[in-house]
C-alpha atoms as a PDB file:
ATOM      1  CA  UNK A   1      -0.083   0.186   0.329  1.00  0.00           C
ATOM      2  CA  UNK A   2       1.951   3.509  -1.353  1.00  0.00           C
ATOM      3  CA  UNK A   3       1.737   6.299   1.042  1.00  0.00           C
ATOM      4  CA  UNK A   4      -1.402   8.633   0.937  1.00  0.00           C
ATOM      5  CA  UNK A   5      -1.559  12.269   1.341  1.00  0.00           C
ATOM      6  CA  UNK A   6      -4.518  13.186   3.442  1.00  0.00           C
ATOM      7  CA  UNK A   7      -5.333  15.917   1.316  1.00  0.00           C
ATOM      8  CA  UNK A   8      -6.219  13.140  -1.060  1.00  0.00           C
ATOM      9  CA  UNK A   9      -8.600  12.368   1.188  1.00  0.00           C
ATOM     10  CA  UNK A  10     -10.208  15.593   2.297  1.00  0.00           C
ATOM     11  CA  UNK A  11      -9.124  16.130   5.421  1.00  0.00           C
ATOM     12  CA  UNK A  12      -7.290  18.838   7.068  1.00  0.00           C
ATOM     13  CA  UNK A  13      -4.721  19.551   9.603  1.00  0.00           C
ATOM     14  CA  UNK A  14      -5.373  20.504  13.567  1.00  0.00           C
ATOM     15  CA  UNK A  15      -3.042  23.765  12.405  1.00  0.00           C
ATOM     16  CA  UNK A  16      -6.386  26.384  11.177  1.00  0.00           C
ATOM     17  CA  UNK A  17      -8.754  24.116  13.866  1.00  0.00           C
ATOM     18  CA  UNK A  18      -6.893  25.247  17.009  1.00  0.00           C
ATOM     19  CA  UNK A  19      -5.894  28.695  15.998  1.00  0.00           C
ATOM     20  CA  UNK A  20     -10.064  29.618  15.296  1.00  0.00           C
ATOM     21  CA  UNK A  21     -10.808  27.398  18.886  1.00  0.00           C
ATOM     22  CA  UNK A  22      -8.204  29.601  20.669  1.00  0.00           C
ATOM     23  CA  UNK A  23      -9.349  32.942  19.346  1.00  0.00           C
ATOM     24  CA  UNK A  24     -13.180  32.445  20.557  1.00  0.00           C
ATOM     25  CA  UNK A  25     -12.536  30.413  23.543  1.00  0.00           C
ATOM     26  CA  UNK A  26     -14.384  26.891  22.958  1.00  0.00           C
ATOM     27  CA  UNK A  27     -12.569  23.574  22.415  1.00  0.00           C
ATOM     28  CA  UNK A  28     -12.191  21.342  19.450  1.00  0.00           C
ATOM     29  CA  UNK A  29     -14.172  17.497  20.371  1.00  0.00           C
ATOM     30  CA  UNK A  30     -12.273  14.729  19.695  1.00  0.00           C
ATOM     31  CA  UNK A  31     -13.793  11.712  19.377  1.00  0.00           C
ATOM     32  CA  UNK A  32     -12.836   8.254  19.738  1.00  0.00           C
ATOM     33  CA  UNK A  33     -14.006   5.812  16.902  1.00  0.00           C
ATOM     34  CA  UNK A  34     -13.408   1.830  16.136  1.00  0.00           C
ATOM     35  CA  UNK A  35     -16.312   0.997  14.402  1.00  0.00           C
ATOM     36  CA  UNK A  36     -19.111   2.339  10.952  1.00  0.00           C
ATOM     37  CA  UNK A  37     -22.081   3.858  13.346  1.00  0.00           C
ATOM     38  CA  UNK A  38     -19.849   5.434  15.892  1.00  0.00           C
ATOM     39  CA  UNK A  39     -18.186   7.218  12.922  1.00  0.00           C
ATOM     40  CA  UNK A  40     -22.004   7.581  11.069  1.00  0.00           C
ATOM     41  CA  UNK A  41     -22.680   9.305  14.534  1.00  0.00           C
ATOM     42  CA  UNK A  42     -19.485  11.262  14.857  1.00  0.00           C
ATOM     43  CA  UNK A  43     -20.364  13.085  11.559  1.00  0.00           C
ATOM     44  CA  UNK A  44     -23.946  13.337  11.458  1.00  0.00           C
ATOM     45  CA  UNK A  45     -24.186  14.418  15.113  1.00  0.00           C
ATOM     46  CA  UNK A  46     -21.071  17.510  14.175  1.00  0.00           C
ATOM     47  CA  UNK A  47     -22.455  18.451  10.886  1.00  0.00           C
ATOM     48  CA  UNK A  48     -25.876  18.795  12.421  1.00  0.00           C
ATOM     49  CA  UNK A  49     -24.695  21.118  14.889  1.00  0.00           C
ATOM     50  CA  UNK A  50     -22.380  22.710  12.735  1.00  0.00           C
ATOM     51  CA  UNK A  51     -18.969  22.039  14.093  1.00  0.00           C
ATOM     52  CA  UNK A  52     -15.183  21.289  13.677  1.00  0.00           C
ATOM     53  CA  UNK A  53     -14.091  18.039  14.649  1.00  0.00           C
ATOM     54  CA  UNK A  54     -11.223  15.632  15.093  1.00  0.00           C
ATOM     55  CA  UNK A  55     -12.243  12.186  14.725  1.00  0.00           C
ATOM     56  CA  UNK A  56      -9.009  10.032  16.001  1.00  0.00           C
ATOM     57  CA  UNK A  57      -7.912   6.422  16.411  1.00  0.00           C
ATOM     58  CA  UNK A  58      -6.046   4.436  19.324  1.00  0.00           C
ATOM     59  CA  UNK A  59      -3.364   2.098  18.137  1.00  0.00           C
ATOM     60  CA  UNK A  60      -6.004  -0.813  18.860  1.00  0.00           C
ATOM     61  CA  UNK A  61      -8.950   0.918  17.224  1.00  0.00           C
ATOM     62  CA  UNK A  62      -6.917   0.496  14.303  1.00  0.00           C
ATOM     63  CA  UNK A  63      -6.446  -3.012  15.063  1.00  0.00           C
ATOM     64  CA  UNK A  64     -10.026  -3.716  15.147  1.00  0.00           C
ATOM     65  CA  UNK A  65     -10.768  -1.166  12.402  1.00  0.00           C
ATOM     66  CA  UNK A  66      -7.977  -2.430   9.971  1.00  0.00           C
ATOM     67  CA  UNK A  67      -6.047   0.470   8.760  1.00  0.00           C
ATOM     68  CA  UNK A  68      -6.401   0.079   4.858  1.00  0.00           C
ATOM     69  CA  UNK A  69     -10.326   0.594   5.700  1.00  0.00           C
ATOM     70  CA  UNK A  70     -10.381   2.961   7.735  1.00  0.00           C
ATOM     71  CA  UNK A  71      -8.527   5.401   5.270  1.00  0.00           C
ATOM     72  CA  UNK A  72     -11.514   4.676   3.041  1.00  0.00           C
ATOM     73  CA  UNK A  73     -13.739   5.327   6.196  1.00  0.00           C
ATOM     74  CA  UNK A  74     -12.110   8.663   6.513  1.00  0.00           C
ATOM     75  CA  UNK A  75     -12.619   8.996   2.931  1.00  0.00           C
ATOM     76  CA  UNK A  76     -16.485   8.359   3.045  1.00  0.00           C
ATOM     77  CA  UNK A  77     -16.997  10.391   6.136  1.00  0.00           C
ATOM     78  CA  UNK A  78     -15.734  13.394   4.087  1.00  0.00           C
ATOM     79  CA  UNK A  79     -18.135  12.517   1.318  1.00  0.00           C
ATOM     80  CA  UNK A  80     -20.999  11.536   3.244  1.00  0.00           C
ATOM     81  CA  UNK A  81     -20.731  15.238   5.329  1.00  0.00           C
ATOM     82  CA  UNK A  82     -20.533  17.097   1.912  1.00  0.00           C
ATOM     83  CA  UNK A  83     -23.885  14.951   0.361  1.00  0.00           C
ATOM     84  CA  UNK A  84     -25.708  15.990   3.825  1.00  0.00           C
ATOM     85  CA  UNK A  85     -24.721  19.667   2.602  1.00  0.00           C
ATOM     86  CA  UNK A  86     -22.004  20.038   5.313  1.00  0.00           C
ATOM     87  CA  UNK A  87     -19.214  22.265   5.042  1.00  0.00           C
ATOM     88  CA  UNK A  88     -17.229  21.354   8.492  1.00  0.00           C
ATOM     89  CA  UNK A  89     -13.144  20.370   8.532  1.00  0.00           C
ATOM     90  CA  UNK A  90     -13.119  17.490   9.625  1.00  0.00           C
ATOM     91  CA  UNK A  91      -9.221  15.577  10.768  1.00  0.00           C
ATOM     92  CA  UNK A  92      -8.172  12.568  11.824  1.00  0.00           C
ATOM     93  CA  UNK A  93      -5.643  12.081  14.582  1.00  0.00           C
ATOM     94  CA  UNK A  94      -4.640   8.884  16.162  1.00  0.00           C
ATOM     95  CA  UNK A  95      -4.668   8.714  19.942  1.00  0.00           C
ATOM     96  CA  UNK A  96      -2.270   7.938  22.235  1.00  0.00           C
ATOM     97  CA  UNK A  97       0.941   7.142  19.099  1.00  0.00           C
ATOM     98  CA  UNK A  98       3.312   5.369  21.735  1.00  0.00           C
ATOM     99  CA  UNK A  99       6.168   4.418  18.770  1.00  0.00           C
ATOM    100  CA  UNK A 100       7.842   6.251  15.952  1.00  0.00           C
ATOM    101  CA  UNK A 101       6.814   3.677  13.607  1.00  0.00           C
ATOM    102  CA  UNK A 102       2.972   3.348  14.697  1.00  0.00           C
ATOM    103  CA  UNK A 103       3.045   7.552  14.058  1.00  0.00           C
ATOM    104  CA  UNK A 104       4.862   7.055  10.546  1.00  0.00           C
ATOM    105  CA  UNK A 105       2.729   4.377   9.456  1.00  0.00           C
ATOM    106  CA  UNK A 106      -0.871   6.686  10.202  1.00  0.00           C
ATOM    107  CA  UNK A 107       1.200   9.709   8.444  1.00  0.00           C
ATOM    108  CA  UNK A 108       1.694   7.267   5.721  1.00  0.00           C
ATOM    109  CA  UNK A 109      -2.047   5.869   5.253  1.00  0.00           C
ATOM    110  CA  UNK A 110      -3.245   9.229   5.424  1.00  0.00           C
ATOM    111  CA  UNK A 111      -4.333  10.691   9.021  1.00  0.00           C
ATOM    112  CA  UNK A 112      -3.779  14.530   9.040  1.00  0.00           C
ATOM    113  CA  UNK A 113      -2.403  14.503  12.803  1.00  0.00           C
ATOM    114  CA  UNK A 114      -0.833  12.169  15.199  1.00  0.00           C
ATOM    115  CA  UNK A 115       0.126  11.383  18.882  1.00  0.00           C
ATOM    116  CA  UNK A 116       2.988  10.309  20.449  1.00  0.00           C
ATOM    117  CA  UNK A 117       2.842  10.130  23.718  1.00  0.00           C
ATOM    118  CA  UNK A 118       6.158   9.733  25.111  1.00  0.00           C
ATOM    119  CA  UNK A 119       5.007  10.909  28.744  1.00  0.00           C
ATOM    120  CA  UNK A 120       5.553   6.862  29.810  1.00  0.00           C
ATOM    121  CA  UNK A 121       9.204   7.219  29.627  1.00  0.00           C
ATOM    122  CA  UNK A 122      12.005   9.471  30.776  1.00  0.00           C
ATOM    123  CA  UNK A 123      12.166  12.924  30.076  1.00  0.00           C
ATOM    124  CA  UNK A 124      14.792  13.541  28.042  1.00  0.00           C
ATOM    125  CA  UNK A 125      13.305  10.353  25.783  1.00  0.00           C
ATOM    126  CA  UNK A 126      10.098  12.112  25.402  1.00  0.00           C
ATOM    127  CA  UNK A 127      11.760  14.600  23.945  1.00  0.00           C
ATOM    128  CA  UNK A 128      14.083  12.458  21.754  1.00  0.00           C
ATOM    129  CA  UNK A 129      10.738  10.371  20.421  1.00  0.00           C
ATOM    130  CA  UNK A 130       8.580  13.093  20.732  1.00  0.00           C
ATOM    131  CA  UNK A 131      11.415  14.887  18.150  1.00  0.00           C
ATOM    132  CA  UNK A 132      11.610  12.476  15.770  1.00  0.00           C
ATOM    133  CA  UNK A 133       8.068  11.968  15.010  1.00  0.00           C
ATOM    134  CA  UNK A 134       7.754  15.944  14.714  1.00  0.00           C
ATOM    135  CA  UNK A 135      10.369  15.849  12.188  1.00  0.00           C
ATOM    136  CA  UNK A 136       8.689  12.952  10.125  1.00  0.00           C
ATOM    137  CA  UNK A 137       5.357  14.393  10.261  1.00  0.00           C
ATOM    138  CA  UNK A 138       6.034  17.879   9.337  1.00  0.00           C
ATOM    139  CA  UNK A 139       7.954  17.108   6.310  1.00  0.00           C
ATOM    140  CA  UNK A 140       4.220  15.713   5.412  1.00  0.00           C
ATOM    141  CA  UNK A 141       2.482  18.627   6.721  1.00  0.00           C
ATOM    142  CA  UNK A 142       0.758  16.278   9.756  1.00  0.00           C
ATOM    143  CA  UNK A 143       0.261  18.378  12.943  1.00  0.00           C
ATOM    144  CA  UNK A 144       1.666  16.599  16.424  1.00  0.00           C
ATOM    145  CA  UNK A 145       0.503  16.332  20.005  1.00  0.00           C
ATOM    146  CA  UNK A 146       3.115  15.513  22.576  1.00  0.00           C
ATOM    147  CA  UNK A 147       2.193  14.664  26.191  1.00  0.00           C
ATOM    148  CA  UNK A 148       3.659  15.477  29.409  1.00  0.00           C
ATOM    149  CA  UNK A 149       2.863  13.833  32.318  1.00  0.00           C
ATOM    150  CA  UNK A 150       0.686  10.826  32.920  1.00  0.00           C
ATOM    151  CA  UNK A 151      -2.528   9.967  33.082  1.00  0.00           C
ATOM    152  CA  UNK A 152      -3.918   7.641  35.012  1.00  0.00           C
ATOM    153  CA  UNK A 153      -6.541   4.627  34.175  1.00  0.00           C
ATOM    154  CA  UNK A 154      -6.104   2.612  30.855  1.00  0.00           C
ATOM    155  CA  UNK A 155      -5.961   4.038  26.793  1.00  0.00           C
ATOM    156  CA  UNK A 156      -5.528   0.627  24.939  1.00  0.00           C
ATOM    157  CA  UNK A 157      -2.365  -1.167  25.857  1.00  0.00           C
ATOM    158  CA  UNK A 158      -0.701   2.522  27.980  1.00  0.00           C
ATOM    159  CA  UNK A 159      -1.860   1.734  31.006  1.00  0.00           C
ATOM    160  CA  UNK A 160      -0.882   3.534  34.425  1.00  0.00           C
ATOM    161  CA  UNK A 161      -2.005   3.224  38.073  1.00  0.00           C
ATOM    162  CA  UNK A 162      -1.172   6.443  39.380  1.00  0.00           C
ATOM    163  CA  UNK A 163      -1.469  10.075  37.489  1.00  0.00           C
ATOM    164  CA  UNK A 164       1.745  12.548  37.450  1.00  0.00           C
ATOM    165  CA  UNK A 165       0.162  15.981  37.114  1.00  0.00           C
ATOM    166  CA  UNK A 166       2.300  17.599  34.151  1.00  0.00           C
ATOM    167  CA  UNK A 167       5.184  20.195  36.087  1.00  0.00           C
ATOM    168  CA  UNK A 168       4.668  23.274  34.035  1.00  0.00           C
ATOM    169  CA  UNK A 169       8.466  24.344  34.441  1.00  0.00           C
ATOM    170  CA  UNK A 170       9.238  21.356  31.861  1.00  0.00           C
ATOM    171  CA  UNK A 171       6.380  22.685  29.169  1.00  0.00           C
ATOM    172  CA  UNK A 172       8.453  25.123  27.808  1.00  0.00           C
ATOM    173  CA  UNK A 173      11.733  23.304  26.959  1.00  0.00           C
ATOM    174  CA  UNK A 174       9.495  20.706  25.718  1.00  0.00           C
ATOM    175  CA  UNK A 175       7.815  22.402  23.259  1.00  0.00           C
ATOM    176  CA  UNK A 176      10.996  24.138  22.396  1.00  0.00           C
ATOM    177  CA  UNK A 177      13.242  20.890  21.969  1.00  0.00           C
ATOM    178  CA  UNK A 178      10.248  19.210  20.243  1.00  0.00           C
ATOM    179  CA  UNK A 179       8.808  20.925  18.210  1.00  0.00           C
ATOM    180  CA  UNK A 180       5.110  20.231  18.775  1.00  0.00           C
ATOM    181  CA  UNK A 181       1.857  21.742  17.954  1.00  0.00           C
ATOM    182  CA  UNK A 182       0.026  21.116  20.551  1.00  0.00           C
ATOM    183  CA  UNK A 183       0.868  19.853  24.474  1.00  0.00           C
ATOM    184  CA  UNK A 184      -1.157  17.014  26.117  1.00  0.00           C
ATOM    185  CA  UNK A 185      -1.321  17.851  29.938  1.00  0.00           C
ATOM    186  CA  UNK A 186      -2.481  16.259  32.993  1.00  0.00           C
ATOM    187  CA  UNK A 187      -4.311  17.682  35.139  1.00  0.00           C
ATOM    188  CA  UNK A 188      -6.462  15.486  37.385  1.00  0.00           C
ATOM    189  CA  UNK A 189      -8.165  13.813  34.553  1.00  0.00           C
ATOM    190  CA  UNK A 190      -8.173  10.145  33.373  1.00  0.00           C
ATOM    191  CA  UNK A 191      -8.684   7.695  31.200  1.00  0.00           C
ATOM    192  CA  UNK A 192     -11.378   5.214  31.239  1.00  0.00           C
ATOM    193  CA  UNK A 193     -15.105   5.231  33.504  1.00  0.00           C
ATOM    194  CA  UNK A 194     -13.686   4.650  36.779  1.00  0.00           C
ATOM    195  CA  UNK A 195     -11.912   7.838  37.021  1.00  0.00           C
ATOM    196  CA  UNK A 196     -11.836   8.685  40.438  1.00  0.00           C
ATOM    197  CA  UNK A 197     -11.622   6.478  43.631  1.00  0.00           C
ATOM    198  CA  UNK A 198     -14.968   7.766  45.277  1.00  0.00           C
ATOM    199  CA  UNK A 199     -17.786   6.431  47.914  1.00  0.00           C
ATOM    200  CA  UNK A 200     -21.548   6.842  46.367  1.00  0.00           C
ATOM    201  CA  UNK A 201     -22.733   9.958  46.219  1.00  0.00           C
ATOM    202  CA  UNK A 202     -19.089  11.444  46.707  1.00  0.00           C
ATOM    203  CA  UNK A 203     -17.592  14.569  44.483  1.00  0.00           C
ATOM    204  CA  UNK A 204     -14.635  13.286  42.537  1.00  0.00           C
ATOM    205  CA  UNK A 205     -11.394  15.606  43.169  1.00  0.00           C
ATOM    206  CA  UNK A 206     -11.470  18.891  40.733  1.00  0.00           C
ATOM    207  CA  UNK A 207      -8.933  19.625  38.314  1.00  0.00           C
ATOM    208  CA  UNK A 208      -5.939  21.309  38.735  1.00  0.00           C
ATOM    209  CA  UNK A 209      -6.504  24.884  37.485  1.00  0.00           C
ATOM    210  CA  UNK A 210      -3.590  25.863  38.879  1.00  0.00           C
ATOM    211  CA  UNK A 211      -1.216  23.854  36.840  1.00  0.00           C
ATOM    212  CA  UNK A 212      -3.442  24.916  33.647  1.00  0.00           C
ATOM    213  CA  UNK A 213      -3.061  28.424  34.432  1.00  0.00           C
ATOM    214  CA  UNK A 214       1.120  27.956  35.147  1.00  0.00           C
ATOM    215  CA  UNK A 215       1.402  26.317  31.821  1.00  0.00           C
ATOM    216  CA  UNK A 216      -0.645  28.882  29.881  1.00  0.00           C
ATOM    217  CA  UNK A 217       1.746  31.319  31.423  1.00  0.00           C
ATOM    218  CA  UNK A 218       4.948  29.923  30.445  1.00  0.00           C
ATOM    219  CA  UNK A 219       3.699  29.044  27.027  1.00  0.00           C
ATOM    220  CA  UNK A 220       0.819  31.865  26.495  1.00  0.00           C
ATOM    221  CA  UNK A 221      -0.886  30.583  23.272  1.00  0.00           C
ATOM    222  CA  UNK A 222       0.069  27.634  22.367  1.00  0.00           C
ATOM    223  CA  UNK A 223      -2.743  25.023  21.900  1.00  0.00           C
ATOM    224  CA  UNK A 224      -3.538  22.722  25.153  1.00  0.00           C
ATOM    225  CA  UNK A 225      -5.502  19.219  24.744  1.00  0.00           C
ATOM    226  CA  UNK A 226      -7.190  17.090  28.180  1.00  0.00           C
ATOM    227  CA  UNK A 227      -7.381  13.369  27.568  1.00  0.00           C
ATOM    228  CA  UNK A 228      -9.537  11.451  29.583  1.00  0.00           C
ATOM    229  CA  UNK A 229     -12.699  13.999  29.880  1.00  0.00           C
ATOM    230  CA  UNK A 230     -15.337  12.199  29.673  1.00  0.00           C
ATOM    231  CA  UNK A 231     -18.603  13.096  31.713  1.00  0.00           C
ATOM    232  CA  UNK A 232     -19.129   9.672  32.423  1.00  0.00           C
ATOM    233  CA  UNK A 233     -22.693  10.659  31.903  1.00  0.00           C
ATOM    234  CA  UNK A 234     -24.950   9.521  35.061  1.00  0.00           C
ATOM    235  CA  UNK A 235     -28.243   8.753  32.800  1.00  0.00           C
ATOM    236  CA  UNK A 236     -25.928   6.396  30.557  1.00  0.00           C
ATOM    237  CA  UNK A 237     -24.458   4.783  33.867  1.00  0.00           C
ATOM    238  CA  UNK A 238     -27.498   4.252  35.758  1.00  0.00           C
ATOM    239  CA  UNK A 239     -29.631   2.948  32.242  1.00  0.00           C
ATOM    240  CA  UNK A 240     -26.488   0.493  32.446  1.00  0.00           C
ATOM    241  CA  UNK A 241     -27.330  -0.837  35.241  1.00  0.00           C
ATOM    242  CA  UNK A 242     -30.671  -1.006  35.322  1.00  0.00           C
ATOM    243  CA  UNK A 243     -30.513  -3.251  32.548  1.00  0.00           C
ATOM    244  CA  UNK A 244     -28.090  -6.063  33.992  1.00  0.00           C
ATOM    245  CA  UNK A 245     -24.700  -4.013  33.784  1.00  0.00           C
ATOM    246  CA  UNK A 246     -22.696  -3.530  36.658  1.00  0.00           C
ATOM    247  CA  UNK A 247     -20.932  -0.155  36.910  1.00  0.00           C
ATOM    248  CA  UNK A 248     -20.952   0.659  40.170  1.00  0.00           C
ATOM    249  CA  UNK A 249     -18.903   4.473  41.011  1.00  0.00           C
ATOM    250  CA  UNK A 250     -18.356   5.045  37.286  1.00  0.00           C
ATOM    251  CA  UNK A 251     -17.582   8.966  37.524  1.00  0.00           C
ATOM    252  CA  UNK A 252     -16.283  11.611  35.476  1.00  0.00           C
ATOM    253  CA  UNK A 253     -15.446  15.144  34.776  1.00  0.00           C
ATOM    254  CA  UNK A 254     -18.032  17.480  35.656  1.00  0.00           C
ATOM    255  CA  UNK A 255     -19.390  19.501  32.240  1.00  0.00           C
ATOM    256  CA  UNK A 256     -19.090  23.054  34.450  1.00  0.00           C
ATOM    257  CA  UNK A 257     -15.340  21.940  34.901  1.00  0.00           C
ATOM    258  CA  UNK A 258     -14.710  20.762  30.835  1.00  0.00           C
ATOM    259  CA  UNK A 259     -16.964  24.386  30.273  1.00  0.00           C
ATOM    260  CA  UNK A 260     -13.537  26.079  32.304  1.00  0.00           C
ATOM    261  CA  UNK A 261     -11.129  24.816  30.306  1.00  0.00           C
ATOM    262  CA  UNK A 262     -12.361  25.174  26.418  1.00  0.00           C
ATOM    263  CA  UNK A 263     -12.672  28.939  27.459  1.00  0.00           C
ATOM    264  CA  UNK A 264      -8.533  28.170  28.272  1.00  0.00           C
ATOM    265  CA  UNK A 265      -5.672  28.095  25.946  1.00  0.00           C
ATOM    266  CA  UNK A 266      -7.546  24.134  25.995  1.00  0.00           C
ATOM    267  CA  UNK A 267      -8.395  24.187  22.173  1.00  0.00           C
ATOM    268  CA  UNK A 268      -9.205  20.140  21.916  1.00  0.00           C
ATOM    269  CA  UNK A 269     -10.728  17.900  23.939  1.00  0.00           C
ATOM    270  CA  UNK A 270     -11.116  14.075  24.113  1.00  0.00           C
ATOM    271  CA  UNK A 271     -14.240  12.040  24.266  1.00  0.00           C
ATOM    272  CA  UNK A 272     -13.954   8.245  24.601  1.00  0.00           C
ATOM    273  CA  UNK A 273     -16.349   6.350  27.264  1.00  0.00           C
ATOM    274  CA  UNK A 274     -19.161   8.840  26.945  1.00  0.00           C
ATOM    275  CA  UNK A 275     -19.557   7.367  23.668  1.00  0.00           C
ATOM    276  CA  UNK A 276     -19.156   4.067  24.550  1.00  0.00           C
ATOM    277  CA  UNK A 277     -21.627   4.495  27.150  1.00  0.00           C
ATOM    278  CA  UNK A 278     -23.908   5.960  25.221  1.00  0.00           C
ATOM    279  CA  UNK A 279     -23.506   2.832  22.668  1.00  0.00           C
ATOM    280  CA  UNK A 280     -23.691   0.370  24.966  1.00  0.00           C
ATOM    281  CA  UNK A 281     -26.647   1.488  27.475  1.00  0.00           C
ATOM    282  CA  UNK A 282     -28.946   1.743  24.585  1.00  0.00           C
ATOM    283  CA  UNK A 283     -27.857  -2.126  23.407  1.00  0.00           C
ATOM    284  CA  UNK A 284     -28.684  -3.145  26.986  1.00  0.00           C
ATOM    285  CA  UNK A 285     -31.736  -1.549  27.105  1.00  0.00           C
ATOM    286  CA  UNK A 286     -32.982  -3.308  23.591  1.00  0.00           C
ATOM    287  CA  UNK A 287     -31.603  -6.613  24.435  1.00  0.00           C
ATOM    288  CA  UNK A 288     -33.228  -6.169  28.346  1.00  0.00           C
ATOM    289  CA  UNK A 289     -37.054  -5.084  26.468  1.00  0.00           C
ATOM    290  CA  UNK A 290     -36.592  -7.390  23.191  1.00  0.00           C
ATOM    291  CA  UNK A 291     -34.779 -10.838  24.372  1.00  0.00           C
ATOM    292  CA  UNK A 292     -35.293 -12.293  20.364  1.00  0.00           C
ATOM    293  CA  UNK A 293     -34.175  -9.342  18.800  1.00  0.00           C
ATOM    294  CA  UNK A 294     -31.041 -10.343  16.475  1.00  0.00           C
ATOM    295  CA  UNK A 295     -30.765  -8.030  14.030  1.00  0.00           C
ATOM    296  CA  UNK A 296     -27.757  -6.052  14.564  1.00  0.00           C
ATOM    297  CA  UNK A 297     -29.641  -2.744  12.710  1.00  0.00           C
ATOM    298  CA  UNK A 298     -32.197  -3.032  15.165  1.00  0.00           C
ATOM    299  CA  UNK A 299     -29.615  -2.274  18.166  1.00  0.00           C
ATOM    300  CA  UNK A 300     -26.475  -0.575  16.195  1.00  0.00           C
ATOM    301  CA  UNK A 301     -28.981   1.451  15.294  1.00  0.00           C
ATOM    302  CA  UNK A 302     -30.716   3.142  18.228  1.00  0.00           C
ATOM    303  CA  UNK A 303     -27.619   3.059  19.688  1.00  0.00           C
ATOM    304  CA  UNK A 304     -26.343   5.267  16.660  1.00  0.00           C
ATOM    305  CA  UNK A 305     -29.117   7.903  17.240  1.00  0.00           C
ATOM    306  CA  UNK A 306     -28.642   8.412  20.998  1.00  0.00           C
ATOM    307  CA  UNK A 307     -25.229   9.008  20.042  1.00  0.00           C
ATOM    308  CA  UNK A 308     -25.307  11.279  17.657  1.00  0.00           C
ATOM    309  CA  UNK A 309     -28.098  13.246  20.415  1.00  0.00           C
ATOM    310  CA  UNK A 310     -25.104  13.000  23.057  1.00  0.00           C
ATOM    311  CA  UNK A 311     -22.075  14.357  20.505  1.00  0.00           C
ATOM    312  CA  UNK A 312     -24.871  17.580  19.253  1.00  0.00           C
ATOM    313  CA  UNK A 313     -25.225  18.327  23.551  1.00  0.00           C
ATOM    314  CA  UNK A 314     -21.519  17.915  24.410  1.00  0.00           C
ATOM    315  CA  UNK A 315     -20.869  20.436  20.913  1.00  0.00           C
ATOM    316  CA  UNK A 316     -23.224  23.029  21.933  1.00  0.00           C
ATOM    317  CA  UNK A 317     -23.188  22.959  25.994  1.00  0.00           C
ATOM    318  CA  UNK A 318     -19.994  21.233  27.064  1.00  0.00           C
ATOM    319  CA  UNK A 319     -17.419  22.398  23.830  1.00  0.00           C
ATOM    320  CA  UNK A 320     -19.213  25.148  22.854  1.00  0.00           C
ATOM    321  CA  UNK A 321     -17.552  24.703  19.236  1.00  0.00           C
ATOM    322  CA  UNK A 322     -21.366  24.273  17.230  1.00  0.00           C
ATOM    323  CA  UNK A 323     -21.584  27.088  15.285  1.00  0.00           C
ATOM    324  CA  UNK A 324     -18.061  27.477  14.895  1.00  0.00           C
ATOM    325  CA  UNK A 325     -17.573  25.382  11.213  1.00  0.00           C
END
């Protein structure tokens, strides 16, 4: 399979998106997907709310969907958007790439943006790895996200027991040495649906806005990314539990805190778990109410509709990206 340029697929990189997001004090949604229904929902939800969007896949999702098929899914998503009368920018992003080889492979197969997550390495190794990816990606006009600080929780194969907050004193040096286009920082968000150890009825700990403010002072006007920023929407958790699931104490980041982050230099907010919860909640409900159902369209269809609803809500009420395309 020869290398393909993302522009041939109708995609854009994140440069212009981030610039506009910072000027307009909102954040671009970055929705993870693994399959056709999720991608359809993301495109429909963002076209209907006129929001720019980053569709992103982890290395596990890329294996799951098949990298060749993924390229054509992305191309199809752009065409579907145009057929709907939409005119929204769509970027295809690698989430949590952990090796140079993986990032290179994504650049070569039409991704317009990649993340190299070297945060689990010692600082100097993270710098060296990130710089190597940046040099390759920039030669192809692909934007790069780096990471400083470690998020707790599990993101595909990358897992961490504890979170290490980003050290603001490292950010200037990191950005200068690596040449990254955006930086994921750790201010208390975490991956997955069980983000925080809380007792029933307890509030999760607030995000460390002091760290975010200090980072912004040191690299003013530089695009910041928040990972692990799903709200773990309680109605979906309740629905899952009601129809036979077992998700006790699943809590996420409050919408109020995400809105506050989105009005700062945080111009990309990643959302994965909320999408999974929406889909799972509806599928469980269909199976509970119609145990004879075995047509995938009859449960994946309603799940997709719920995901569209959730995406429009996020764009309008949480990230502020609706109407900004």
